[in-house]
Amino acid sequence: MNLQAVKDKLEELNKAIKALETPIPKVIKMAKQKILRMATLDQSLRASVDSWDGEDGELIKEIGLSSSPRFPFYQTPMHAIGDGWRLIAPPVLIKGYCNNIDAYEWWFEK
C-alpha cells in the first residue's frame, strides 16, 4: 500500500469517526396513550354501547395501573370516533359475553 492510499484510508476513517460524534437529534416526547374499550351487541359503528372502560397512560403510577380513569359515556362507537378516538382494529366477536349473549368488543386509542 503506497503512502497516498494510507492517507486516503485515514481520511475515510476520520470522516466515519466524525459522523459517529454527531449529536443525536432530540427525541420527540410522545403523549401517553389512552385506551378505550367498549362492547356492543352488533358490529355496526352505530350500535348502542352495552359497556365500556379504559386506561389512561397519564395516570400511571409505580404499580403500573392507572388510577380511576374517567371516560365519558359514548352512545355508539361512532360517537367515540367523533370525539377523536381512533379505532385500533375491527370489532372482535366475544362469544357468551354476558348471560350467554354474544357481543362485539371495540378497542380505541387517543
N, C-alpha and C. Protein backbone atom coordinates (compact mmCIF):
# COMPACT_ATOMS: atom_id res chain seq x y z
N MET A 1 0.85 -1.17 0.00
CA MET A 1 0.00 0.00 0.00
C MET A 1 0.91 1.24 0.00
N ASN A 2 0.67 2.15 -0.92
CA ASN A 2 1.50 3.35 -1.00
C ASN A 2 1.04 4.39 0.00
N LEU A 3 1.81 5.44 0.13
CA LEU A 3 1.54 6.48 1.12
C LEU A 3 0.21 7.19 0.85
N GLN A 4 -0.10 7.44 -0.41
CA GLN A 4 -1.36 8.12 -0.74
C GLN A 4 -2.57 7.27 -0.36
N ALA A 5 -2.48 5.98 -0.59
CA ALA A 5 -3.57 5.07 -0.24
C ALA A 5 -3.79 5.06 1.27
N VAL A 6 -2.72 5.11 2.05
CA VAL A 6 -2.82 5.14 3.51
C VAL A 6 -3.48 6.45 3.96
N LYS A 7 -3.08 7.58 3.34
CA LYS A 7 -3.67 8.87 3.68
C LYS A 7 -5.17 8.89 3.36
N ASP A 8 -5.53 8.33 2.20
CA ASP A 8 -6.93 8.28 1.81
C ASP A 8 -7.75 7.45 2.80
N LYS A 9 -7.19 6.31 3.20
CA LYS A 9 -7.88 5.44 4.15
C LYS A 9 -8.03 6.14 5.51
N LEU A 10 -6.98 6.84 5.93
CA LEU A 10 -7.02 7.57 7.19
C LEU A 10 -8.08 8.67 7.15
N GLU A 11 -8.17 9.39 6.03
CA GLU A 11 -9.19 10.42 5.88
C GLU A 11 -10.59 9.82 5.92
N GLU A 12 -10.76 8.69 5.29
CA GLU A 12 -12.06 7.99 5.30
C GLU A 12 -12.45 7.58 6.72
N LEU A 13 -11.50 7.07 7.48
CA LEU A 13 -11.76 6.68 8.87
C LEU A 13 -12.09 7.89 9.74
N ASN A 14 -11.37 9.01 9.52
CA ASN A 14 -11.65 10.23 10.28
C ASN A 14 -13.06 10.74 10.01
N LYS A 15 -13.53 10.65 8.76
CA LYS A 15 -14.89 11.06 8.42
C LYS A 15 -15.92 10.17 9.13
N ALA A 16 -15.62 8.87 9.16
CA ALA A 16 -16.53 7.93 9.83
C ALA A 16 -16.60 8.22 11.34
N ILE A 17 -15.46 8.54 11.94
CA ILE A 17 -15.43 8.87 13.37
C ILE A 17 -16.19 10.15 13.63
N LYS A 18 -16.01 11.14 12.77
CA LYS A 18 -16.71 12.42 12.93
C LYS A 18 -18.22 12.22 12.83
N ALA A 19 -18.64 11.34 11.92
CA ALA A 19 -20.07 11.06 11.78
C ALA A 19 -20.63 10.43 13.05
N LEU A 20 -19.85 9.58 13.69
CA LEU A 20 -20.29 8.96 14.94
C LEU A 20 -20.38 9.97 16.08
N GLU A 21 -19.59 11.04 16.01
CA GLU A 21 -19.59 12.05 17.07
C GLU A 21 -20.71 13.07 16.91
N THR A 22 -21.43 13.03 15.78
CA THR A 22 -22.52 13.96 15.55
C THR A 22 -23.60 13.73 16.60
N PRO A 23 -24.06 14.81 17.25
CA PRO A 23 -25.08 14.62 18.29
C PRO A 23 -26.36 14.01 17.73
N ILE A 24 -26.98 13.18 18.54
CA ILE A 24 -28.24 12.54 18.17
C ILE A 24 -29.34 13.58 18.33
N PRO A 25 -30.22 13.70 17.33
CA PRO A 25 -31.29 14.69 17.47
C PRO A 25 -32.18 14.38 18.67
N LYS A 26 -32.79 15.43 19.22
CA LYS A 26 -33.68 15.24 20.37
C LYS A 26 -34.85 14.35 19.99
N VAL A 27 -35.21 13.50 20.90
CA VAL A 27 -36.36 12.61 20.69
C VAL A 27 -37.63 13.39 21.04
N ILE A 28 -38.61 13.29 20.18
CA ILE A 28 -39.88 13.95 20.43
C ILE A 28 -40.63 13.18 21.51
N LYS A 29 -41.04 13.87 22.53
CA LYS A 29 -41.77 13.22 23.61
C LYS A 29 -43.20 12.96 23.16
N MET A 30 -43.59 11.71 23.20
CA MET A 30 -44.94 11.32 22.79
C MET A 30 -45.89 11.47 23.97
N ALA A 31 -47.10 11.85 23.66
CA ALA A 31 -48.14 11.90 24.69
C ALA A 31 -48.45 10.48 25.13
N LYS A 32 -48.79 10.33 26.38
CA LYS A 32 -49.14 8.99 26.88
C LYS A 32 -50.49 8.58 26.32
N GLN A 33 -50.57 7.34 25.97
CA GLN A 33 -51.74 6.81 25.28
C GLN A 33 -52.91 6.56 26.24
N LYS A 34 -54.10 6.79 25.72
CA LYS A 34 -55.33 6.44 26.42
C LYS A 34 -56.00 5.33 25.62
N ILE A 35 -56.52 4.35 26.33
CA ILE A 35 -57.19 3.20 25.70
C ILE A 35 -58.64 3.17 26.16
N LEU A 36 -59.54 3.00 25.20
CA LEU A 36 -60.97 2.88 25.50
C LEU A 36 -61.45 1.55 24.92
N ARG A 37 -62.15 0.77 25.75
CA ARG A 37 -62.74 -0.50 25.30
C ARG A 37 -64.23 -0.39 25.49
N MET A 38 -64.96 -0.81 24.47
CA MET A 38 -66.42 -0.83 24.63
C MET A 38 -66.97 -2.10 24.01
N ALA A 39 -68.15 -2.46 24.47
CA ALA A 39 -68.83 -3.65 23.95
C ALA A 39 -70.19 -3.24 23.41
N THR A 40 -70.54 -3.82 22.25
CA THR A 40 -71.85 -3.60 21.64
C THR A 40 -72.43 -4.97 21.28
N LEU A 41 -73.73 -5.04 21.07
CA LEU A 41 -74.35 -6.30 20.70
C LEU A 41 -74.40 -6.50 19.18
N ASP A 42 -73.90 -5.51 18.44
CA ASP A 42 -73.86 -5.56 16.98
C ASP A 42 -72.51 -5.00 16.54
N GLN A 43 -72.05 -5.36 15.35
CA GLN A 43 -70.75 -4.88 14.89
C GLN A 43 -70.82 -3.57 14.11
N SER A 44 -71.96 -2.93 14.10
CA SER A 44 -72.14 -1.66 13.40
C SER A 44 -71.51 -0.52 14.21
N LEU A 45 -70.96 0.47 13.50
CA LEU A 45 -70.44 1.67 14.17
C LEU A 45 -71.54 2.44 14.89
N ARG A 46 -72.77 2.18 14.52
CA ARG A 46 -73.90 2.89 15.12
C ARG A 46 -74.64 2.04 16.18
N ALA A 47 -74.06 0.90 16.55
CA ALA A 47 -74.67 0.03 17.56
C ALA A 47 -74.58 0.69 18.93
N SER A 48 -75.60 0.49 19.76
CA SER A 48 -75.61 1.04 21.12
C SER A 48 -74.54 0.37 21.97
N VAL A 49 -73.88 1.17 22.78
CA VAL A 49 -72.82 0.66 23.66
C VAL A 49 -73.46 -0.02 24.86
N ASP A 50 -73.00 -1.24 25.16
CA ASP A 50 -73.51 -2.01 26.30
C ASP A 50 -72.64 -1.78 27.54
N SER A 51 -71.32 -1.69 27.34
CA SER A 51 -70.40 -1.43 28.45
C SER A 51 -69.14 -0.77 27.91
N TRP A 52 -68.39 -0.14 28.81
CA TRP A 52 -67.14 0.50 28.41
C TRP A 52 -66.23 0.65 29.61
N ASP A 53 -64.93 0.71 29.34
CA ASP A 53 -63.93 1.02 30.36
C ASP A 53 -62.67 1.46 29.63
N GLY A 54 -61.65 1.81 30.36
CA GLY A 54 -60.43 2.26 29.71
C GLY A 54 -59.30 2.47 30.68
N GLU A 55 -58.15 2.83 30.12
CA GLU A 55 -56.95 3.14 30.89
C GLU A 55 -56.36 4.43 30.34
N ASP A 56 -55.79 5.22 31.22
CA ASP A 56 -55.20 6.49 30.84
C ASP A 56 -53.72 6.49 31.19
N GLY A 57 -52.87 6.52 30.19
CA GLY A 57 -51.42 6.50 30.41
C GLY A 57 -50.91 7.68 31.20
N GLU A 58 -51.65 8.79 31.22
CA GLU A 58 -51.24 9.95 32.00
C GLU A 58 -51.33 9.69 33.50
N LEU A 59 -52.13 8.70 33.90
CA LEU A 59 -52.37 8.45 35.33
C LEU A 59 -51.57 7.27 35.87
N ILE A 60 -50.63 6.74 35.08
CA ILE A 60 -49.88 5.55 35.50
C ILE A 60 -49.08 5.86 36.77
N LYS A 61 -49.16 4.96 37.71
CA LYS A 61 -48.38 5.06 38.95
C LYS A 61 -47.34 3.95 38.95
N GLU A 62 -46.57 3.85 40.00
CA GLU A 62 -45.48 2.88 40.06
C GLU A 62 -45.95 1.44 39.89
N ILE A 63 -47.14 1.10 40.35
CA ILE A 63 -47.58 -0.28 40.25
C ILE A 63 -48.00 -0.67 38.84
N GLY A 64 -48.11 0.32 37.95
CA GLY A 64 -48.41 0.02 36.56
C GLY A 64 -49.87 0.09 36.17
N LEU A 65 -50.73 0.51 37.07
CA LEU A 65 -52.14 0.65 36.75
C LEU A 65 -52.52 2.12 36.85
N SER A 66 -53.45 2.54 36.02
CA SER A 66 -53.88 3.93 36.13
C SER A 66 -54.89 4.05 37.26
N SER A 67 -54.91 5.22 37.85
CA SER A 67 -55.80 5.41 39.00
C SER A 67 -57.10 6.07 38.56
N SER A 68 -58.16 5.36 38.66
CA SER A 68 -59.52 5.86 38.39
C SER A 68 -59.64 6.69 37.12
N PRO A 69 -59.35 6.10 35.95
CA PRO A 69 -59.55 6.89 34.73
C PRO A 69 -61.03 7.18 34.54
N ARG A 70 -61.34 8.36 34.08
CA ARG A 70 -62.74 8.74 33.84
C ARG A 70 -62.91 8.96 32.34
N PHE A 71 -63.75 8.14 31.76
CA PHE A 71 -64.03 8.24 30.34
C PHE A 71 -65.50 8.55 30.16
N PRO A 72 -65.80 9.46 29.26
CA PRO A 72 -67.22 9.78 29.04
C PRO A 72 -67.94 8.60 28.42
N PHE A 73 -69.24 8.54 28.64
CA PHE A 73 -70.06 7.51 28.02
C PHE A 73 -70.37 7.94 26.59
N TYR A 74 -70.12 7.05 25.65
CA TYR A 74 -70.47 7.31 24.26
C TYR A 74 -71.64 6.39 23.90
N GLN A 75 -72.64 6.92 23.21
CA GLN A 75 -73.81 6.13 22.85
C GLN A 75 -73.48 5.04 21.85
N THR A 76 -72.53 5.32 20.94
CA THR A 76 -72.15 4.36 19.91
C THR A 76 -70.64 4.48 19.67
N PRO A 77 -70.03 3.47 19.02
CA PRO A 77 -68.62 3.61 18.64
C PRO A 77 -68.38 4.84 17.77
N MET A 78 -69.36 5.18 16.92
CA MET A 78 -69.22 6.35 16.05
C MET A 78 -69.11 7.64 16.86
N HIS A 79 -69.80 7.72 18.00
CA HIS A 79 -69.69 8.90 18.85
C HIS A 79 -68.26 9.03 19.40
N ALA A 80 -67.65 7.91 19.76
CA ALA A 80 -66.27 7.94 20.26
C ALA A 80 -65.31 8.42 19.15
N ILE A 81 -65.51 7.92 17.94
CA ILE A 81 -64.69 8.35 16.80
C ILE A 81 -64.89 9.85 16.56
N GLY A 82 -66.12 10.30 16.67
CA GLY A 82 -66.41 11.73 16.50
C GLY A 82 -65.75 12.60 17.55
N ASP A 83 -65.40 12.00 18.71
CA ASP A 83 -64.74 12.74 19.78
C ASP A 83 -63.21 12.60 19.72
N GLY A 84 -62.70 12.01 18.63
CA GLY A 84 -61.25 11.94 18.46
C GLY A 84 -60.59 10.62 18.80
N TRP A 85 -61.36 9.61 19.22
CA TRP A 85 -60.79 8.29 19.47
C TRP A 85 -60.55 7.60 18.14
N ARG A 86 -59.43 6.89 18.04
CA ARG A 86 -59.08 6.15 16.82
C ARG A 86 -59.30 4.66 17.05
N LEU A 87 -60.00 4.04 16.11
CA LEU A 87 -60.26 2.61 16.20
C LEU A 87 -58.96 1.86 15.94
N ILE A 88 -58.56 0.99 16.85
CA ILE A 88 -57.30 0.25 16.71
C ILE A 88 -57.46 -0.90 15.73
N ALA A 89 -58.59 -1.60 15.80
CA ALA A 89 -58.84 -2.76 14.94
C ALA A 89 -60.35 -2.95 14.81
N PRO A 90 -60.78 -3.75 13.84
CA PRO A 90 -62.22 -4.02 13.73
C PRO A 90 -62.74 -4.68 15.00
N PRO A 91 -64.04 -4.57 15.26
CA PRO A 91 -64.58 -5.21 16.46
C PRO A 91 -64.40 -6.72 16.43
N VAL A 92 -64.20 -7.28 17.61
CA VAL A 92 -63.97 -8.72 17.75
C VAL A 92 -65.19 -9.34 18.43
N LEU A 93 -65.67 -10.44 17.87
CA LEU A 93 -66.82 -11.13 18.46
C LEU A 93 -66.39 -11.86 19.73
N ILE A 94 -67.12 -11.61 20.82
CA ILE A 94 -66.88 -12.28 22.10
C ILE A 94 -68.08 -13.19 22.34
N LYS A 95 -67.87 -14.49 22.24
CA LYS A 95 -68.95 -15.47 22.45
C LYS A 95 -69.30 -15.54 23.93
N GLY A 96 -70.58 -15.54 24.25
CA GLY A 96 -71.02 -15.68 25.64
C GLY A 96 -70.58 -14.52 26.51
N TYR A 97 -70.60 -13.33 25.98
CA TYR A 97 -70.14 -12.12 26.68
C TYR A 97 -70.83 -11.95 28.04
N CYS A 98 -72.13 -11.98 28.05
CA CYS A 98 -72.88 -11.80 29.29
C CYS A 98 -74.17 -12.61 29.18
N ASN A 99 -74.41 -13.50 30.12
CA ASN A 99 -75.60 -14.36 30.09
C ASN A 99 -75.73 -15.09 28.75
N ASN A 100 -74.59 -15.58 28.27
CA ASN A 100 -74.53 -16.32 27.01
C ASN A 100 -74.99 -15.52 25.79
N ILE A 101 -74.90 -14.22 25.88
CA ILE A 101 -75.20 -13.35 24.73
C ILE A 101 -73.88 -12.95 24.10
N ASP A 102 -73.78 -13.04 22.79
CA ASP A 102 -72.57 -12.65 22.09
C ASP A 102 -72.50 -11.12 21.98
N ALA A 103 -71.30 -10.59 22.02
CA ALA A 103 -71.12 -9.14 21.89
C ALA A 103 -69.86 -8.88 21.07
N TYR A 104 -69.71 -7.65 20.67
CA TYR A 104 -68.53 -7.22 19.91
C TYR A 104 -67.72 -6.26 20.76
N GLU A 105 -66.43 -6.52 20.84
CA GLU A 105 -65.53 -5.69 21.63
C GLU A 105 -64.77 -4.76 20.70
N TRP A 106 -64.78 -3.49 21.04
CA TRP A 106 -64.13 -2.44 20.26
C TRP A 106 -62.96 -1.88 21.07
N TRP A 107 -61.84 -1.60 20.42
CA TRP A 107 -60.68 -1.01 21.07
C TRP A 107 -60.32 0.29 20.36
N PHE A 108 -60.20 1.35 21.14
CA PHE A 108 -59.85 2.67 20.62
C PHE A 108 -58.63 3.21 21.36
N GLU A 109 -57.94 4.15 20.74
CA GLU A 109 -56.83 4.83 21.40
C GLU A 109 -56.87 6.31 21.07
N LYS A 110 -56.28 7.09 21.98
CA LYS A 110 -56.22 8.54 21.79
C LYS A 110 -54.85 9.01 22.18
